Amino acid sequence: MSLGNPLELGITLEQDTNATQTEPLLENIDLNAFLADKGYDADRLINRLIQRGITPVIPPKCNRTTQRKIDFSLYRERNLVEGFFNKIRSFSLSHPATIN
């Protein structure tokens, strides 16, 4: 259990979607569940998680023809990860990097 701390971290360009880095980052991690927001609701990722025995805890997008059920009590734990990223954003805004 990571308790909201990163197990793996990848940095991409601002315009890149997070979903492009998800599968490579998950390859070397042993998880019971993967908690993410609707932005990660993609059949390829969901199927890959299920193949590996990882429970996807990702709310389905509203345009899905078949809505998947998720454990919303477990999904609430995602706030730990959000807190981590909020700390990074807060720090980066108060300590901007100098680019040469």
Protein backbone atom coordinates (compact mmCIF):
# COMPACT_ATOMS: atom_id res chain seq x y z
CA MET A 1 0.00 0.00 0.00
CA SER A 2 1.46 3.33 -1.02
CA LEU A 3 -0.88 5.54 1.07
CA GLY A 4 -0.97 8.15 -1.69
CA ASN A 5 2.78 8.20 -2.26
CA PRO A 6 4.01 7.44 -5.77
CA LEU A 7 5.30 3.98 -6.58
CA GLU A 8 6.44 5.06 -10.03
CA LEU A 9 6.55 8.52 -11.55
CA GLY A 10 6.80 9.64 -15.15
CA ILE A 11 6.97 13.17 -16.47
CA THR A 12 5.56 14.08 -19.87
CA LEU A 13 5.03 17.22 -21.88
CA GLU A 14 2.04 19.25 -20.77
CA GLN A 15 -0.04 18.40 -23.83
CA ASP A 16 0.49 14.62 -23.47
CA THR A 17 -2.32 12.65 -21.90
CA ASN A 18 -1.58 10.77 -18.68
CA ALA A 19 -3.07 7.64 -20.18
CA THR A 20 -0.12 7.25 -22.59
CA GLN A 21 2.22 6.57 -19.66
CA THR A 22 -0.07 4.39 -17.55
CA GLU A 23 0.64 0.94 -18.97
CA PRO A 24 4.46 1.29 -19.02
CA LEU A 25 4.46 2.57 -15.42
CA LEU A 26 2.25 -0.29 -14.23
CA GLU A 27 4.35 -3.07 -15.78
CA ASN A 28 6.71 -3.43 -12.81
CA ILE A 29 4.21 -2.80 -10.01
CA ASP A 30 2.17 -5.47 -8.23
CA LEU A 31 -1.24 -3.99 -7.38
CA ASN A 32 -4.57 -5.25 -6.09
CA ALA A 33 -6.51 -2.25 -7.40
CA PHE A 34 -5.91 0.73 -9.69
CA LEU A 35 -7.77 3.91 -8.66
CA ALA A 36 -8.10 6.62 -11.29
CA ASP A 37 -10.51 9.22 -12.61
CA LYS A 38 -12.66 9.00 -15.75
CA GLY A 39 -9.75 10.14 -17.89
CA TYR A 40 -8.35 6.61 -17.57
CA ASP A 41 -11.57 4.89 -18.67
CA ALA A 42 -10.24 3.16 -21.77
CA ASP A 43 -11.04 -0.39 -22.82
CA ARG A 44 -7.39 -1.21 -23.50
CA LEU A 45 -6.29 -0.18 -20.00
CA ILE A 46 -9.29 -1.78 -18.26
CA ASN A 47 -8.72 -5.07 -20.10
CA ARG A 48 -5.00 -5.04 -19.33
CA LEU A 49 -5.66 -4.45 -15.63
CA ILE A 50 -8.17 -7.30 -15.52
CA GLN A 51 -5.72 -9.62 -17.33
CA ARG A 52 -3.16 -8.90 -14.62
CA GLY A 53 -5.68 -9.52 -11.83
CA ILE A 54 -5.84 -5.83 -10.88
CA THR A 55 -9.27 -4.43 -10.01
CA PRO A 56 -9.94 -1.27 -12.03
CA VAL A 57 -11.56 1.35 -9.79
CA ILE A 58 -12.27 3.88 -12.53
CA PRO A 59 -15.68 5.50 -12.95
CA PRO A 60 -17.03 4.88 -16.46
CA LYS A 61 -17.45 7.82 -18.80
CA CYS A 62 -21.09 8.81 -19.27
CA ASN A 63 -21.00 7.95 -22.99
CA ARG A 64 -20.28 4.25 -22.40
CA THR A 65 -23.06 2.01 -23.69
CA THR A 66 -22.48 -0.45 -20.83
CA GLN A 67 -21.76 1.23 -17.50
CA ARG A 68 -19.26 -0.64 -15.33
CA LYS A 69 -19.87 -0.83 -11.58
CA ILE A 70 -17.10 0.36 -9.29
CA ASP A 71 -16.46 0.37 -5.56
CA PHE A 72 -17.04 4.05 -4.72
CA SER A 73 -15.96 3.55 -1.09
CA LEU A 74 -12.56 2.41 -2.39
CA TYR A 75 -12.57 5.14 -5.07
CA ARG A 76 -12.70 7.79 -2.31
CA GLU A 77 -9.17 6.72 -1.31
CA ARG A 78 -8.00 8.40 -4.53
CA ASN A 79 -7.93 11.65 -2.54
CA LEU A 80 -4.57 10.52 -1.10
CA VAL A 81 -3.01 10.64 -4.57
CA GLU A 82 -4.72 13.94 -5.37
CA GLY A 83 -3.24 15.38 -2.17
CA PHE A 84 0.26 14.38 -3.31
CA PHE A 85 -0.15 16.15 -6.64
CA ASN A 86 -1.66 19.22 -4.98
CA LYS A 87 1.49 19.48 -2.85
CA ILE A 88 3.67 19.32 -5.96
CA ARG A 89 1.57 21.98 -7.74
CA SER A 90 1.63 24.21 -4.69
CA PHE A 91 5.41 23.87 -4.38
CA SER A 92 6.04 24.48 -8.07
CA LEU A 93 3.92 27.63 -8.05
CA SER A 94 5.82 29.07 -5.11
CA HIS A 95 9.24 27.92 -6.44
CA PRO A 96 9.15 28.37 -10.25
CA ALA A 97 12.01 26.74 -12.14
CA THR A 98 14.33 28.84 -14.25
CA ILE A 99 14.53 27.66 -17.85
CA ASN A 100 17.57 28.68 -19.89
